[in-house]
Structure formats: C-alpha cells, structure tokens
C-alpha cells in the first residue's frame, strides 16, 4: 500500500517536472521566433488594440471603485491618528506599488487571458494551425508571438490606467465627499511617491506579470486538445495558473524591491 502511494506521488512529481520543463522550453522557443514577429509590427499593434478593448473598461471601472474604497478606508484609519492629510500618499502608494499591477494582472487573466486561450484553442480545433504548418508557416511565430508581445506591452499601460483612475477615485471620496484638504492631498502624494522606487518598480512588476499571464494563456490554448470541452477546461486552467503565478511573483518581487 505504502509503495503504491509512493509510486503515485513519484509519478505525479515526475509529470509535474516534465510539464514545467516543456513549458520552459516552449517559452524560449517563443522568444526565439519573436524577432520574426517584430518584422510585422502591424500584427502586434492589432493585438494590442484587441487586448486593450477587451480589458480597458473593466480595469478602469475596477480602478475607480478600488480607489474610492482606499480613500474611504484610508481616511477612517488616518483620522484616528490625526493624519488624514496623508490620504493622498497612502492611496497613491497602495495603487502604484501593489494594487495597480496585481489587480490589473488578475483582471487581465480573467478577461483577455481566457479570450486568448479560447482563440488559440479554437484555431487548433479548426485545424487552422495545422494548415499553417502545411504551408510552411510557423504558427508560433505567426500567431502566438504577436499576441504574446501585445500582452506584455499592454499590461503596464493597463496597470497605469488602473492606478490613475484609482487615484481619481480616492480624490473624489477623500476631497470632494469627506472634505480632506485638496492641497494636502496632492502635495503629500507628490512628496511621498518616488518615481524610481515606487513608479518604476510598479511598471517592472506589470511587465513581469504581462509575461507570465500572456504566456500562460497562449500555452494553455496551444496545448489544449482540439475539442470544445478541453478548450473550455484550458480557459479555466489559464485563470487558475495565471492567478497563482501573479500572487507568487508579487511576493518575490515585493520582497526584493521594497525591502528598505
């Protein structure tokens, strides 16, 4: 009985490492064919427009409400210590450092990521990728690489939109509804947010999240069996794996970037 359990555990671990190794090899293969995709910038810009349209509205609306909640909760907490003039700094740091990159990546995985997985999976089910191979066209270079770089480029832009709209939401609640001094709100924000340590690190986080989420979505779609049922399961795997990657990477990067 014990030997059978150990055997099952061993097989599971071996399959997990084999799958991880295959994913890493596929990632470097994707990077290897990327220069060919950049020779067709129209494909990348078309995908940026597609991904942006899919995600922009939900990210902007979510950013507004997250900023409004931060403004409300931040005011209640700071007011206990007579420091409500720090509200602008607290809202901006929370959005730029953490919530902007992380929540944007999670929303991106649920909206655009699942769409990319379904798109690639259905192209595979319709044998469009096989037809490209028969015509000596590399589907990884022609289909996956433009979508990958479009996601990587779009993620920091979307995170910036999320943070900017979130600051606006915090301003509406804190200044317009509660009555925090407007000058203190903006001046504390300007003095407390460092461009290199806060904004640049937030952009780097978004860039890394863009790589992780977009590659996960494309990989799951490309590896899905050409059936509607497995394509559906692949979209679920995209959300689960991408979300776990975002949380794990965020912990590591936060520990490295903001350890002062």
C-alpha atoms as a PDB file:
ATOM      1  CA  UNK A   1       0.000   0.000   0.000  1.00  0.00           C
ATOM      2  CA  UNK A   2       2.777   2.425   1.004  1.00  0.00           C
ATOM      3  CA  UNK A   3       4.783   1.501  -2.072  1.00  0.00           C
ATOM      4  CA  UNK A   4       1.768   2.178  -4.289  1.00  0.00           C
ATOM      5  CA  UNK A   5       1.190   5.607  -2.704  1.00  0.00           C
ATOM      6  CA  UNK A   6       4.867   6.476  -3.043  1.00  0.00           C
ATOM      7  CA  UNK A   7       4.750   5.332  -6.655  1.00  0.00           C
ATOM      8  CA  UNK A   8       1.758   7.572  -7.391  1.00  0.00           C
ATOM      9  CA  UNK A   9       3.444  10.520  -5.700  1.00  0.00           C
ATOM     10  CA  UNK A  10       6.614   9.873  -7.684  1.00  0.00           C
ATOM     11  CA  UNK A  11       4.708   9.720 -10.982  1.00  0.00           C
ATOM     12  CA  UNK A  12       2.863  12.929 -10.151  1.00  0.00           C
ATOM     13  CA  UNK A  13       6.076  14.780  -9.287  1.00  0.00           C
ATOM     14  CA  UNK A  14       7.803  13.459 -12.414  1.00  0.00           C
ATOM     15  CA  UNK A  15       4.891  14.559 -14.622  1.00  0.00           C
ATOM     16  CA  UNK A  16       4.864  17.965 -12.943  1.00  0.00           C
ATOM     17  CA  UNK A  17       8.581  18.492 -13.599  1.00  0.00           C
ATOM     18  CA  UNK A  18       8.192  17.203 -17.176  1.00  0.00           C
ATOM     19  CA  UNK A  19       5.329  19.649 -17.771  1.00  0.00           C
ATOM     20  CA  UNK A  20       7.336  22.502 -16.256  1.00  0.00           C
ATOM     21  CA  UNK A  21      10.332  21.657 -18.420  1.00  0.00           C
ATOM     22  CA  UNK A  22       8.168  21.543 -21.539  1.00  0.00           C
ATOM     23  CA  UNK A  23       6.643  24.931 -20.658  1.00  0.00           C
ATOM     24  CA  UNK A  24      10.099  26.464 -20.157  1.00  0.00           C
ATOM     25  CA  UNK A  25      11.282  25.028 -23.479  1.00  0.00           C
ATOM     26  CA  UNK A  26       8.168  26.392 -25.213  1.00  0.00           C
ATOM     27  CA  UNK A  27       8.783  29.814 -23.651  1.00  0.00           C
ATOM     28  CA  UNK A  28      12.316  30.010 -25.013  1.00  0.00           C
ATOM     29  CA  UNK A  29      11.096  28.739 -28.378  1.00  0.00           C
ATOM     30  CA  UNK A  30       8.572  31.589 -28.388  1.00  0.00           C
ATOM     31  CA  UNK A  31      11.333  34.094 -27.583  1.00  0.00           C
ATOM     32  CA  UNK A  32      13.487  32.596 -30.328  1.00  0.00           C
ATOM     33  CA  UNK A  33      10.902  33.271 -33.052  1.00  0.00           C
ATOM     34  CA  UNK A  34       9.914  36.700 -31.694  1.00  0.00           C
ATOM     35  CA  UNK A  35      12.271  38.714 -33.977  1.00  0.00           C
ATOM     36  CA  UNK A  36      10.193  37.462 -36.919  1.00  0.00           C
ATOM     37  CA  UNK A  37       7.039  38.815 -35.271  1.00  0.00           C
ATOM     38  CA  UNK A  38       8.630  42.235 -34.806  1.00  0.00           C
ATOM     39  CA  UNK A  39       9.228  42.391 -38.546  1.00  0.00           C
ATOM     40  CA  UNK A  40       5.401  42.581 -38.806  1.00  0.00           C
ATOM     41  CA  UNK A  41       4.577  45.350 -36.282  1.00  0.00           C
ATOM     42  CA  UNK A  42       1.055  45.623 -37.680  1.00  0.00           C
ATOM     43  CA  UNK A  43       0.214  42.213 -36.194  1.00  0.00           C
ATOM     44  CA  UNK A  44       1.401  43.299 -32.732  1.00  0.00           C
ATOM     45  CA  UNK A  45      -0.413  46.657 -32.806  1.00  0.00           C
ATOM     46  CA  UNK A  46      -3.582  44.898 -33.966  1.00  0.00           C
ATOM     47  CA  UNK A  47      -3.381  42.546 -30.975  1.00  0.00           C
ATOM     48  CA  UNK A  48      -2.646  45.420 -28.555  1.00  0.00           C
ATOM     49  CA  UNK A  49      -5.842  47.071 -29.774  1.00  0.00           C
ATOM     50  CA  UNK A  50      -7.734  43.794 -29.397  1.00  0.00           C
ATOM     51  CA  UNK A  51      -6.434  43.112 -25.866  1.00  0.00           C
ATOM     52  CA  UNK A  52      -6.904  46.722 -24.780  1.00  0.00           C
ATOM     53  CA  UNK A  53     -10.504  46.792 -25.944  1.00  0.00           C
ATOM     54  CA  UNK A  54     -11.186  43.574 -24.055  1.00  0.00           C
ATOM     55  CA  UNK A  55      -9.756  44.769 -20.766  1.00  0.00           C
ATOM     56  CA  UNK A  56      -9.849  48.567 -20.644  1.00  0.00           C
ATOM     57  CA  UNK A  57     -13.411  49.108 -19.434  1.00  0.00           C
ATOM     58  CA  UNK A  58     -13.355  46.546 -16.622  1.00  0.00           C
ATOM     59  CA  UNK A  59      -9.919  47.744 -15.493  1.00  0.00           C
ATOM     60  CA  UNK A  60     -10.922  51.424 -15.474  1.00  0.00           C
ATOM     61  CA  UNK A  61     -14.166  50.790 -13.590  1.00  0.00           C
ATOM     62  CA  UNK A  62     -12.425  48.467 -11.110  1.00  0.00           C
ATOM     63  CA  UNK A  63      -9.664  51.021 -10.572  1.00  0.00           C
ATOM     64  CA  UNK A  64     -12.228  53.721  -9.797  1.00  0.00           C
ATOM     65  CA  UNK A  65     -14.003  51.634  -7.165  1.00  0.00           C
ATOM     66  CA  UNK A  66     -10.764  50.329  -5.623  1.00  0.00           C
ATOM     67  CA  UNK A  67      -9.515  53.916  -5.322  1.00  0.00           C
ATOM     68  CA  UNK A  68     -12.802  55.019  -3.744  1.00  0.00           C
ATOM     69  CA  UNK A  69     -12.608  52.217  -1.162  1.00  0.00           C
ATOM     70  CA  UNK A  70      -8.969  53.100  -0.427  1.00  0.00           C
ATOM     71  CA  UNK A  71      -9.972  56.729   0.058  1.00  0.00           C
ATOM     72  CA  UNK A  72     -12.750  55.786   2.456  1.00  0.00           C
ATOM     73  CA  UNK A  73     -10.856  53.189   4.495  1.00  0.00           C
ATOM     74  CA  UNK A  74      -7.663  55.231   4.449  1.00  0.00           C
ATOM     75  CA  UNK A  75      -9.461  58.275   5.825  1.00  0.00           C
ATOM     76  CA  UNK A  76     -11.072  56.309   8.684  1.00  0.00           C
ATOM     77  CA  UNK A  77      -7.699  54.824   9.671  1.00  0.00           C
ATOM     78  CA  UNK A  78      -5.633  58.005   9.345  1.00  0.00           C
ATOM     79  CA  UNK A  79      -8.262  60.103  11.112  1.00  0.00           C
ATOM     80  CA  UNK A  80      -7.693  58.096  14.307  1.00  0.00           C
ATOM     81  CA  UNK A  81      -4.145  59.488  14.421  1.00  0.00           C
ATOM     82  CA  UNK A  82      -4.968  62.963  13.125  1.00  0.00           C
ATOM     83  CA  UNK A  83      -3.082  62.277   9.890  1.00  0.00           C
ATOM     84  CA  UNK A  84      -5.849  62.475   7.293  1.00  0.00           C
ATOM     85  CA  UNK A  85      -3.706  64.888   5.251  1.00  0.00           C
ATOM     86  CA  UNK A  86      -1.591  61.830   4.357  1.00  0.00           C
ATOM     87  CA  UNK A  87      -4.522  60.289   2.485  1.00  0.00           C
ATOM     88  CA  UNK A  88      -3.201  61.125  -0.989  1.00  0.00           C
ATOM     89  CA  UNK A  89       0.155  59.493  -0.277  1.00  0.00           C
ATOM     90  CA  UNK A  90      -1.447  56.346   1.157  1.00  0.00           C
ATOM     91  CA  UNK A  91      -3.819  55.944  -1.795  1.00  0.00           C
ATOM     92  CA  UNK A  92      -1.085  56.525  -4.384  1.00  0.00           C
ATOM     93  CA  UNK A  93       1.463  54.175  -2.785  1.00  0.00           C
ATOM     94  CA  UNK A  94      -1.091  51.373  -2.381  1.00  0.00           C
ATOM     95  CA  UNK A  95      -2.121  51.670  -6.011  1.00  0.00           C
ATOM     96  CA  UNK A  96       1.276  52.181  -7.644  1.00  0.00           C
ATOM     97  CA  UNK A  97       3.190  49.610  -5.615  1.00  0.00           C
ATOM     98  CA  UNK A  98       0.685  46.781  -5.191  1.00  0.00           C
ATOM     99  CA  UNK A  99      -2.948  47.043  -6.201  1.00  0.00           C
ATOM    100  CA  UNK A 100      -2.399  48.550  -9.645  1.00  0.00           C
ATOM    101  CA  UNK A 101      -0.069  45.830 -11.008  1.00  0.00           C
ATOM    102  CA  UNK A 102      -1.650  42.901  -9.126  1.00  0.00           C
ATOM    103  CA  UNK A 103      -5.361  43.597  -9.665  1.00  0.00           C
ATOM    104  CA  UNK A 104      -4.741  44.555 -13.292  1.00  0.00           C
ATOM    105  CA  UNK A 105      -2.933  41.261 -13.887  1.00  0.00           C
ATOM    106  CA  UNK A 106      -5.759  39.259 -12.275  1.00  0.00           C
ATOM    107  CA  UNK A 107      -8.414  41.084 -14.299  1.00  0.00           C
ATOM    108  CA  UNK A 108      -6.301  40.689 -17.423  1.00  0.00           C
ATOM    109  CA  UNK A 109      -6.056  36.934 -16.827  1.00  0.00           C
ATOM    110  CA  UNK A 110      -9.814  36.604 -16.379  1.00  0.00           C
ATOM    111  CA  UNK A 111     -10.766  38.762 -19.352  1.00  0.00           C
ATOM    112  CA  UNK A 112      -8.123  38.891 -22.085  1.00  0.00           C
ATOM    113  CA  UNK A 113      -6.227  35.759 -20.940  1.00  0.00           C
ATOM    114  CA  UNK A 114      -9.217  33.468 -21.247  1.00  0.00           C
ATOM    115  CA  UNK A 115     -10.058  35.052 -24.586  1.00  0.00           C
ATOM    116  CA  UNK A 116      -6.549  34.341 -25.893  1.00  0.00           C
ATOM    117  CA  UNK A 117      -6.718  30.733 -24.689  1.00  0.00           C
ATOM    118  CA  UNK A 118     -10.103  30.168 -26.321  1.00  0.00           C
ATOM    119  CA  UNK A 119      -8.951  31.859 -29.518  1.00  0.00           C
ATOM    120  CA  UNK A 120      -5.829  29.703 -29.881  1.00  0.00           C
ATOM    121  CA  UNK A 121      -7.681  26.552 -28.802  1.00  0.00           C
ATOM    122  CA  UNK A 122     -10.453  27.077 -31.349  1.00  0.00           C
ATOM    123  CA  UNK A 123      -7.905  27.800 -34.090  1.00  0.00           C
ATOM    124  CA  UNK A 124      -6.299  24.481 -33.216  1.00  0.00           C
ATOM    125  CA  UNK A 125      -9.678  22.708 -33.166  1.00  0.00           C
ATOM    126  CA  UNK A 126     -10.467  24.210 -36.580  1.00  0.00           C
ATOM    127  CA  UNK A 127      -7.087  22.930 -37.854  1.00  0.00           C
ATOM    128  CA  UNK A 128      -6.015  26.440 -38.835  1.00  0.00           C
ATOM    129  CA  UNK A 129      -2.663  25.961 -37.093  1.00  0.00           C
ATOM    130  CA  UNK A 130      -2.126  22.637 -38.873  1.00  0.00           C
ATOM    131  CA  UNK A 131      -2.925  24.311 -42.193  1.00  0.00           C
ATOM    132  CA  UNK A 132      -0.244  26.931 -41.485  1.00  0.00           C
ATOM    133  CA  UNK A 133       2.321  24.218 -40.816  1.00  0.00           C
ATOM    134  CA  UNK A 134       1.399  22.534 -44.110  1.00  0.00           C
ATOM    135  CA  UNK A 135       2.067  25.854 -45.862  1.00  0.00           C
ATOM    136  CA  UNK A 136       5.494  26.050 -44.136  1.00  0.00           C
ATOM    137  CA  UNK A 137       4.294  28.886 -41.872  1.00  0.00           C
ATOM    138  CA  UNK A 138       5.414  28.629 -38.259  1.00  0.00           C
ATOM    139  CA  UNK A 139       2.214  29.145 -36.177  1.00  0.00           C
ATOM    140  CA  UNK A 140       4.250  30.030 -33.104  1.00  0.00           C
ATOM    141  CA  UNK A 141       5.862  32.911 -34.956  1.00  0.00           C
ATOM    142  CA  UNK A 142       2.779  33.962 -36.921  1.00  0.00           C
ATOM    143  CA  UNK A 143       0.034  33.534 -34.285  1.00  0.00           C
ATOM    144  CA  UNK A 144       1.482  33.222 -30.780  1.00  0.00           C
ATOM    145  CA  UNK A 145       4.421  35.663 -30.818  1.00  0.00           C
ATOM    146  CA  UNK A 146       2.389  38.802 -31.819  1.00  0.00           C
ATOM    147  CA  UNK A 147      -0.200  38.033 -29.133  1.00  0.00           C
ATOM    148  CA  UNK A 148       2.491  37.409 -26.540  1.00  0.00           C
ATOM    149  CA  UNK A 149       4.260  40.731 -27.079  1.00  0.00           C
ATOM    150  CA  UNK A 150       0.948  42.558 -27.346  1.00  0.00           C
ATOM    151  CA  UNK A 151       0.026  41.281 -23.878  1.00  0.00           C
ATOM    152  CA  UNK A 152       3.456  42.158 -22.469  1.00  0.00           C
ATOM    153  CA  UNK A 153       3.202  45.712 -23.849  1.00  0.00           C
ATOM    154  CA  UNK A 154      -0.455  46.207 -22.908  1.00  0.00           C
ATOM    155  CA  UNK A 155      -0.127  45.127 -19.268  1.00  0.00           C
ATOM    156  CA  UNK A 156       1.931  48.125 -17.966  1.00  0.00           C
ATOM    157  CA  UNK A 157      -0.354  50.501 -19.900  1.00  0.00           C
ATOM    158  CA  UNK A 158      -3.459  48.956 -18.358  1.00  0.00           C
ATOM    159  CA  UNK A 159      -1.881  48.998 -14.876  1.00  0.00           C
ATOM    160  CA  UNK A 160      -1.102  52.700 -15.326  1.00  0.00           C
ATOM    161  CA  UNK A 161      -4.730  53.347 -16.280  1.00  0.00           C
ATOM    162  CA  UNK A 162      -5.880  51.386 -13.214  1.00  0.00           C
ATOM    163  CA  UNK A 163      -3.632  53.390 -10.851  1.00  0.00           C
ATOM    164  CA  UNK A 164      -4.503  56.762 -12.409  1.00  0.00           C
ATOM    165  CA  UNK A 165      -8.250  56.123 -12.237  1.00  0.00           C
ATOM    166  CA  UNK A 166      -7.808  54.724  -8.710  1.00  0.00           C
ATOM    167  CA  UNK A 167      -6.114  57.955  -7.565  1.00  0.00           C
ATOM    168  CA  UNK A 168      -9.052  59.852  -9.077  1.00  0.00           C
ATOM    169  CA  UNK A 169     -11.452  57.644  -7.097  1.00  0.00           C
ATOM    170  CA  UNK A 170      -9.526  58.315  -3.877  1.00  0.00           C
ATOM    171  CA  UNK A 171      -9.590  62.052  -4.643  1.00  0.00           C
ATOM    172  CA  UNK A 172     -13.358  62.061  -5.222  1.00  0.00           C
ATOM    173  CA  UNK A 173     -14.071  60.298  -1.932  1.00  0.00           C
ATOM    174  CA  UNK A 174     -11.364  61.915   0.191  1.00  0.00           C
ATOM    175  CA  UNK A 175     -11.515  65.521  -1.043  1.00  0.00           C
ATOM    176  CA  UNK A 176     -14.914  66.004  -2.637  1.00  0.00           C
ATOM    177  CA  UNK A 177     -17.087  63.858  -0.369  1.00  0.00           C
ATOM    178  CA  UNK A 178     -15.282  63.784   3.008  1.00  0.00           C
ATOM    179  CA  UNK A 179     -13.561  67.144   2.898  1.00  0.00           C
ATOM    180  CA  UNK A 180      -9.830  66.429   3.138  1.00  0.00           C
ATOM    181  CA  UNK A 181      -7.802  69.491   2.152  1.00  0.00           C
ATOM    182  CA  UNK A 182      -7.139  69.349  -1.590  1.00  0.00           C
ATOM    183  CA  UNK A 183      -3.681  70.926  -1.348  1.00  0.00           C
ATOM    184  CA  UNK A 184      -2.572  68.425   1.313  1.00  0.00           C
ATOM    185  CA  UNK A 185      -3.927  65.521  -0.746  1.00  0.00           C
ATOM    186  CA  UNK A 186      -1.857  66.363  -3.827  1.00  0.00           C
ATOM    187  CA  UNK A 187       1.259  67.738  -2.085  1.00  0.00           C
ATOM    188  CA  UNK A 188       1.596  64.694   0.202  1.00  0.00           C
ATOM    189  CA  UNK A 189       1.169  62.444  -2.818  1.00  0.00           C
ATOM    190  CA  UNK A 190       3.905  64.263  -4.732  1.00  0.00           C
ATOM    191  CA  UNK A 191       6.345  64.232  -1.813  1.00  0.00           C
ATOM    192  CA  UNK A 192       5.646  60.632  -0.779  1.00  0.00           C
ATOM    193  CA  UNK A 193       5.747  58.810  -4.138  1.00  0.00           C
ATOM    194  CA  UNK A 194       9.221  58.269  -5.586  1.00  0.00           C
ATOM    195  CA  UNK A 195       9.399  57.823  -9.350  1.00  0.00           C
ATOM    196  CA  UNK A 196      12.258  55.325  -9.311  1.00  0.00           C
ATOM    197  CA  UNK A 197      11.455  53.326  -6.181  1.00  0.00           C
ATOM    198  CA  UNK A 198       7.671  53.259  -6.492  1.00  0.00           C
ATOM    199  CA  UNK A 199       6.510  54.004 -10.039  1.00  0.00           C
ATOM    200  CA  UNK A 200       9.352  52.241 -11.888  1.00  0.00           C
ATOM    201  CA  UNK A 201       9.125  49.150  -9.671  1.00  0.00           C
ATOM    202  CA  UNK A 202       5.366  49.048 -10.277  1.00  0.00           C
ATOM    203  CA  UNK A 203       5.966  49.163 -14.039  1.00  0.00           C
ATOM    204  CA  UNK A 204       8.544  46.354 -13.758  1.00  0.00           C
ATOM    205  CA  UNK A 205       6.015  44.281 -11.831  1.00  0.00           C
ATOM    206  CA  UNK A 206       3.410  44.819 -14.550  1.00  0.00           C
ATOM    207  CA  UNK A 207       5.910  43.844 -17.235  1.00  0.00           C
ATOM    208  CA  UNK A 208       6.742  40.570 -15.445  1.00  0.00           C
ATOM    209  CA  UNK A 209       3.052  39.860 -14.849  1.00  0.00           C
ATOM    210  CA  UNK A 210       2.395  40.513 -18.542  1.00  0.00           C
ATOM    211  CA  UNK A 211       4.960  37.866 -19.499  1.00  0.00           C
ATOM    212  CA  UNK A 212       3.580  35.309 -17.020  1.00  0.00           C
ATOM    213  CA  UNK A 213      -0.122  35.794 -17.732  1.00  0.00           C
ATOM    214  CA  UNK A 214       0.088  36.100 -21.517  1.00  0.00           C
ATOM    215  CA  UNK A 215       2.410  33.120 -21.917  1.00  0.00           C
ATOM    216  CA  UNK A 216       0.175  31.007 -19.643  1.00  0.00           C
ATOM    217  CA  UNK A 217      -2.885  31.897 -21.719  1.00  0.00           C
ATOM    218  CA  UNK A 218      -1.174  31.112 -25.025  1.00  0.00           C
ATOM    219  CA  UNK A 219       0.466  27.927 -23.751  1.00  0.00           C
ATOM    220  CA  UNK A 220      -2.807  26.550 -22.389  1.00  0.00           C
ATOM    221  CA  UNK A 221      -4.591  27.308 -25.651  1.00  0.00           C
ATOM    222  CA  UNK A 222      -1.820  25.782 -27.766  1.00  0.00           C
ATOM    223  CA  UNK A 223      -1.642  22.627 -25.643  1.00  0.00           C
ATOM    224  CA  UNK A 224      -5.421  22.120 -25.401  1.00  0.00           C
ATOM    225  CA  UNK A 225      -6.932  19.119 -27.129  1.00  0.00           C
ATOM    226  CA  UNK A 226      -8.882  20.154 -30.246  1.00  0.00           C
ATOM    227  CA  UNK A 227     -12.290  19.671 -28.637  1.00  0.00           C
ATOM    228  CA  UNK A 228     -14.696  22.290 -27.210  1.00  0.00           C
ATOM    229  CA  UNK A 229     -14.633  20.541 -23.822  1.00  0.00           C
ATOM    230  CA  UNK A 230     -10.852  20.699 -23.452  1.00  0.00           C
ATOM    231  CA  UNK A 231     -10.704  24.269 -24.750  1.00  0.00           C
ATOM    232  CA  UNK A 232     -13.195  25.166 -22.020  1.00  0.00           C
ATOM    233  CA  UNK A 233     -11.044  23.418 -19.397  1.00  0.00           C
ATOM    234  CA  UNK A 234      -7.959  25.208 -20.762  1.00  0.00           C
ATOM    235  CA  UNK A 235      -9.549  28.617 -20.125  1.00  0.00           C
ATOM    236  CA  UNK A 236     -10.169  27.599 -16.503  1.00  0.00           C
ATOM    237  CA  UNK A 237      -6.562  26.439 -16.155  1.00  0.00           C
ATOM    238  CA  UNK A 238      -5.414  29.798 -17.533  1.00  0.00           C
ATOM    239  CA  UNK A 239      -7.197  31.718 -14.775  1.00  0.00           C
ATOM    240  CA  UNK A 240      -6.021  29.379 -12.004  1.00  0.00           C
ATOM    241  CA  UNK A 241      -2.367  29.099 -13.067  1.00  0.00           C
ATOM    242  CA  UNK A 242      -2.006  32.758 -14.039  1.00  0.00           C
ATOM    243  CA  UNK A 243      -3.549  33.931 -10.748  1.00  0.00           C
ATOM    244  CA  UNK A 244      -1.230  31.732  -8.681  1.00  0.00           C
ATOM    245  CA  UNK A 245       1.772  32.921 -10.704  1.00  0.00           C
ATOM    246  CA  UNK A 246       0.794  36.549 -10.130  1.00  0.00           C
ATOM    247  CA  UNK A 247       0.495  36.098  -6.361  1.00  0.00           C
ATOM    248  CA  UNK A 248       3.762  34.154  -6.122  1.00  0.00           C
ATOM    249  CA  UNK A 249       5.738  36.533  -8.332  1.00  0.00           C
ATOM    250  CA  UNK A 250       4.288  39.522  -6.478  1.00  0.00           C
ATOM    251  CA  UNK A 251       5.568  38.175  -3.151  1.00  0.00           C
ATOM    252  CA  UNK A 252       9.060  37.589  -4.539  1.00  0.00           C
ATOM    253  CA  UNK A 253       9.293  40.960  -6.306  1.00  0.00           C
ATOM    254  CA  UNK A 254       7.875  42.876  -3.336  1.00  0.00           C
ATOM    255  CA  UNK A 255      10.455  41.248  -1.067  1.00  0.00           C
ATOM    256  CA  UNK A 256      13.248  42.226  -3.476  1.00  0.00           C
ATOM    257  CA  UNK A 257      12.053  45.724  -4.418  1.00  0.00           C
ATOM    258  CA  UNK A 258      10.611  47.176  -1.212  1.00  0.00           C
ATOM    259  CA  UNK A 259      12.851  45.722   1.498  1.00  0.00           C
ATOM    260  CA  UNK A 260      14.114  49.012   2.927  1.00  0.00           C
END
